[in-house]
């Protein structure tokens, strides 16, 4: 029954975390999601959920606003159009916390578009920097996989941003959210 429950849980979610930074790719000239930030759906400033009893095996933060077993801060709700889903990460940081019943490798797969000139993004897992992406050009798309060793109990992944809407520039005058990057993929898997 436990294996069936875990299988159903893995099927229901798709969020990838594993163990110490590997493959990376940066593409230039990729546009932001084609809906204007000012015209996008009125998303809550920060989706958040907590369930300390669920062991996260896999979760996709672009398919569910609050995947079971995660606590999420610094991220707007999922937005979508005909081209797909995205979520605005909010400055100064986005934080995802989840529990694991045993220490094991975790993989974090993410892709984002950058709306801030010369943006820097630092990714930490359990207090250790696993990726540092500096001087990202305006409208560039970044795709990465960061791997780290998850620990038994609470695990935390943090994305830290140098800039966001109104700091240092306003990217969406009619939208006061502190939008830093636009995630088009964000998965954790253990």
Protein backbone atom coordinates (compact mmCIF):
# COMPACT_ATOMS: atom_id res chain seq x y z
CA UNK A 1 0.00 0.00 0.00
CA UNK A 2 2.88 2.38 0.84
CA UNK A 3 4.47 1.78 -2.60
CA UNK A 4 1.11 2.39 -4.30
CA UNK A 5 0.66 5.63 -2.33
CA UNK A 6 4.20 6.76 -3.23
CA UNK A 7 3.61 5.86 -6.91
CA UNK A 8 0.35 7.83 -6.96
CA UNK A 9 2.07 10.76 -5.24
CA UNK A 10 4.91 10.73 -7.78
CA UNK A 11 2.39 10.57 -10.63
CA UNK A 12 0.40 13.48 -9.21
CA UNK A 13 3.41 15.76 -8.86
CA UNK A 14 6.53 16.39 -10.90
CA UNK A 15 9.10 18.63 -9.13
CA UNK A 16 12.83 17.69 -9.69
CA UNK A 17 15.60 18.03 -6.99
CA UNK A 18 18.78 15.56 -6.97
CA UNK A 19 22.62 16.14 -5.85
CA UNK A 20 25.46 18.94 -6.92
CA UNK A 21 25.28 21.16 -10.06
CA UNK A 22 25.62 19.54 -13.49
CA UNK A 23 24.21 20.39 -16.94
CA UNK A 24 23.59 23.99 -17.90
CA UNK A 25 22.37 25.96 -20.85
CA UNK A 26 21.70 29.63 -21.57
CA UNK A 27 19.77 30.86 -24.59
CA UNK A 28 19.70 34.48 -25.69
CA UNK A 29 16.88 36.50 -27.11
CA UNK A 30 14.08 34.39 -25.63
CA UNK A 31 11.00 36.48 -24.93
CA UNK A 32 9.18 36.75 -21.64
CA UNK A 33 5.79 35.04 -21.49
CA UNK A 34 3.67 36.76 -24.11
CA UNK A 35 1.16 38.25 -21.71
CA UNK A 36 2.05 41.63 -20.27
CA UNK A 37 2.91 41.51 -16.55
CA UNK A 38 0.45 44.35 -16.00
CA UNK A 39 -2.28 42.46 -17.81
CA UNK A 40 -1.54 39.05 -16.28
CA UNK A 41 -3.95 37.42 -13.93
CA UNK A 42 -4.12 38.89 -10.47
CA UNK A 43 -1.94 36.33 -8.76
CA UNK A 44 -1.42 36.23 -5.06
CA UNK A 45 1.96 37.68 -4.11
CA UNK A 46 3.14 34.44 -2.58
CA UNK A 47 1.71 30.95 -2.85
CA UNK A 48 2.36 29.01 0.32
CA UNK A 49 1.57 25.56 1.67
CA UNK A 50 2.89 23.40 4.48
CA UNK A 51 2.64 19.68 5.16
CA UNK A 52 5.48 18.40 7.33
CA UNK A 53 4.29 14.78 7.22
CA UNK A 54 4.60 14.19 3.46
CA UNK A 55 7.90 12.98 2.01
CA UNK A 56 8.45 14.83 -1.28
CA UNK A 57 9.59 12.49 -4.05
CA UNK A 58 8.68 14.69 -7.00
CA UNK A 59 6.94 18.05 -7.42
CA UNK A 60 6.32 20.45 -10.33
CA UNK A 61 5.74 24.04 -9.26
CA UNK A 62 4.32 25.00 -12.67
CA UNK A 63 1.53 22.41 -12.51
CA UNK A 64 0.31 23.04 -8.94
CA UNK A 65 0.46 26.32 -6.98
CA UNK A 66 0.98 24.44 -3.72
CA UNK A 67 2.30 20.91 -4.32
CA UNK A 68 1.66 18.67 -1.34
CA UNK A 69 4.53 18.59 1.14
CA UNK A 70 6.09 21.94 0.18
CA UNK A 71 6.27 25.34 1.81
CA UNK A 72 6.76 28.04 -0.84
CA UNK A 73 7.38 31.76 -0.32
CA UNK A 74 8.41 34.50 -2.74
CA UNK A 75 6.50 33.20 -5.74
CA UNK A 76 3.28 34.31 -7.44
CA UNK A 77 0.55 31.89 -8.49
CA UNK A 78 0.77 30.05 -11.81
CA UNK A 79 -0.12 32.16 -14.85
CA UNK A 80 -0.80 30.76 -18.32
CA UNK A 81 -1.55 31.53 -21.91
CA UNK A 82 -1.63 29.51 -25.16
CA UNK A 83 2.18 29.13 -25.03
CA UNK A 84 2.26 27.55 -21.56
CA UNK A 85 2.57 28.16 -17.84
CA UNK A 86 4.92 30.42 -15.91
CA UNK A 87 5.36 31.76 -12.38
CA UNK A 88 6.92 35.01 -11.30
CA UNK A 89 9.63 34.61 -8.71
CA UNK A 90 9.49 37.54 -6.31
CA UNK A 91 12.47 39.49 -4.96
CA UNK A 92 14.48 39.43 -2.91
CA UNK A 93 14.21 35.62 -2.74
CA UNK A 94 12.12 32.55 -3.45
CA UNK A 95 12.20 29.78 -0.82
CA UNK A 96 11.01 26.16 -1.15
CA UNK A 97 11.08 23.90 1.91
CA UNK A 98 10.27 20.19 1.96
CA UNK A 99 10.88 17.11 4.11
CA UNK A 100 12.65 13.85 3.32
CA UNK A 101 12.45 10.64 5.35
CA UNK A 102 16.10 9.81 4.55
CA UNK A 103 19.21 11.48 3.16
CA UNK A 104 19.39 11.08 -0.62
CA UNK A 105 20.39 12.90 -3.81
CA UNK A 106 18.01 15.62 -4.97
CA UNK A 107 17.78 17.27 -8.44
CA UNK A 108 16.44 20.76 -9.09
CA UNK A 109 15.51 21.37 -12.75
CA UNK A 110 14.63 24.95 -13.64
CA UNK A 111 14.28 27.30 -16.56
CA UNK A 112 13.52 31.00 -16.40
CA UNK A 113 13.36 34.15 -18.49
CA UNK A 114 15.03 37.26 -17.12
CA UNK A 115 13.27 40.67 -17.31
CA UNK A 116 16.04 42.61 -15.46
CA UNK A 117 19.22 43.84 -17.18
CA UNK A 118 22.41 42.28 -15.68
CA UNK A 119 20.45 40.10 -13.25
CA UNK A 120 22.28 37.80 -10.82
CA UNK A 121 20.65 34.67 -9.39
CA UNK A 122 22.19 32.57 -6.61
CA UNK A 123 20.73 29.16 -5.79
CA UNK A 124 21.37 27.64 -2.36
CA UNK A 125 20.40 24.19 -1.11
CA UNK A 126 20.46 23.64 2.64
CA UNK A 127 22.65 26.73 3.10
CA UNK A 128 25.24 25.79 0.44
CA UNK A 129 25.53 27.65 -2.89
CA UNK A 130 24.94 25.12 -5.69
CA UNK A 131 24.69 27.57 -8.60
CA UNK A 132 25.60 31.21 -9.21
CA UNK A 133 24.40 32.79 -12.47
CA UNK A 134 25.72 36.33 -13.00
CA UNK A 135 25.17 39.18 -15.45
CA UNK A 136 22.16 37.58 -17.15
CA UNK A 137 21.14 39.67 -20.13
CA UNK A 138 17.69 41.20 -20.50
CA UNK A 139 15.20 38.63 -21.91
CA UNK A 140 17.71 35.75 -21.81
CA UNK A 141 16.41 32.28 -20.97
CA UNK A 142 18.45 30.21 -18.53
CA UNK A 143 18.02 26.45 -18.17
CA UNK A 144 19.86 24.47 -15.49
CA UNK A 145 19.95 21.33 -13.38
CA UNK A 146 21.41 21.68 -9.90
CA UNK A 147 22.03 18.58 -7.84
CA UNK A 148 22.69 18.33 -4.12
CA UNK A 149 22.62 15.90 -1.23
CA UNK A 150 19.28 16.09 0.55
CA UNK A 151 19.20 15.45 4.28
CA UNK A 152 16.79 13.54 6.47
CA UNK A 153 14.19 16.00 7.74
CA UNK A 154 13.79 19.56 6.49
CA UNK A 155 15.46 20.70 3.23
CA UNK A 156 15.41 24.22 1.80
CA UNK A 157 16.17 25.58 -1.68
CA UNK A 158 16.55 29.37 -2.01
CA UNK A 159 16.80 31.48 -5.17
CA UNK A 160 18.25 34.95 -4.40
CA UNK A 161 17.92 37.84 -6.89
CA UNK A 162 19.98 40.99 -7.40
CA UNK A 163 17.08 42.93 -8.92
CA UNK A 164 13.29 42.90 -9.28
CA UNK A 165 10.42 45.14 -10.41
CA UNK A 166 11.12 48.64 -8.96
CA UNK A 167 14.66 47.64 -7.87
CA UNK A 168 16.66 48.87 -9.73
CA UNK A 169 14.17 49.58 -12.55
CA UNK A 170 10.43 49.34 -13.05
CA UNK A 171 9.56 46.60 -15.55
CA UNK A 172 5.79 46.69 -15.02
CA UNK A 173 4.47 50.08 -13.84
CA UNK A 174 0.92 48.77 -13.31
CA UNK A 175 2.02 45.66 -11.39
CA UNK A 176 3.57 46.29 -7.99
CA UNK A 177 4.77 42.71 -7.44
CA UNK A 178 8.58 42.52 -6.99
CA UNK A 179 8.97 40.24 -10.07
CA UNK A 180 12.58 39.09 -10.45
CA UNK A 181 12.50 36.21 -12.99
CA UNK A 182 9.78 34.25 -14.78
CA UNK A 183 10.04 30.49 -14.18
CA UNK A 184 8.95 28.35 -17.13
CA UNK A 185 10.16 25.16 -15.40
CA UNK A 186 10.71 24.41 -11.73
CA UNK A 187 10.83 20.78 -10.62
CA UNK A 188 12.24 18.96 -7.59
CA UNK A 189 12.91 15.21 -7.57
CA UNK A 190 14.52 12.91 -5.06
